[in-house]
Amino acid sequence: MNRLSERGVTLTELTIVMVLASLVMTAIVGFYLNSQATWMDASAQAITQREATTLTQGISDSIHVAGWAVPSASNDQLDLFRKEGDADPFHSFWWDSYDSLLHEGPNREQDHGAMGTSTVERFVCTIDNPGLVRVTVQLRSAERQRIMVSTSAAMINRQEP
């Protein structure tokens, strides 16, 4: 019997097939891991954007029912009053440097807690025109992406002096 007519796979052929299969598998795993990382980044950014929108909407709703607003000297706290001349605010929003979160409540002593879970890098409140409050919030997502949201809200219950 002639050895050349025998059928089978040589060790060289098997090695080439294994190397090619390994390259294909490495490419598939790399593609999957890259896709997963991209999805995680986008998901974290979307969650943070939703949270930023919820924060500014909550602040805007409170501004609408206010008659008077006073930002702090550093613009990182906003006190809302029912009317001009009230001694105590009915609601306040402030950035707490201890936990880097945005808090709300009647005042700092009666803190209702953080309004969200994303790290707040910047919270600025200014009065642009009489009766118009501008709020800017910059958050950082879990994947370290910056999200900035800004809104202006009118004090609907404001009474001109």
Foldseek 3Di string as FASTA:
>chain_A
DDPVPDDDDDPVRVVVVVVVVVVVVVVVVVVVVVVVVVVVVVVQVVVVQVLVVVVVVVVQVQQQQFQDWDADPVQFKIFGPNAPPDPFGQKMWGQDPVQQFIWMDSDPVGTPDGSDDFHWPDWGWDAPDVQKIKIKTWTATPVGDIDIDIDIHGHNSHDDD
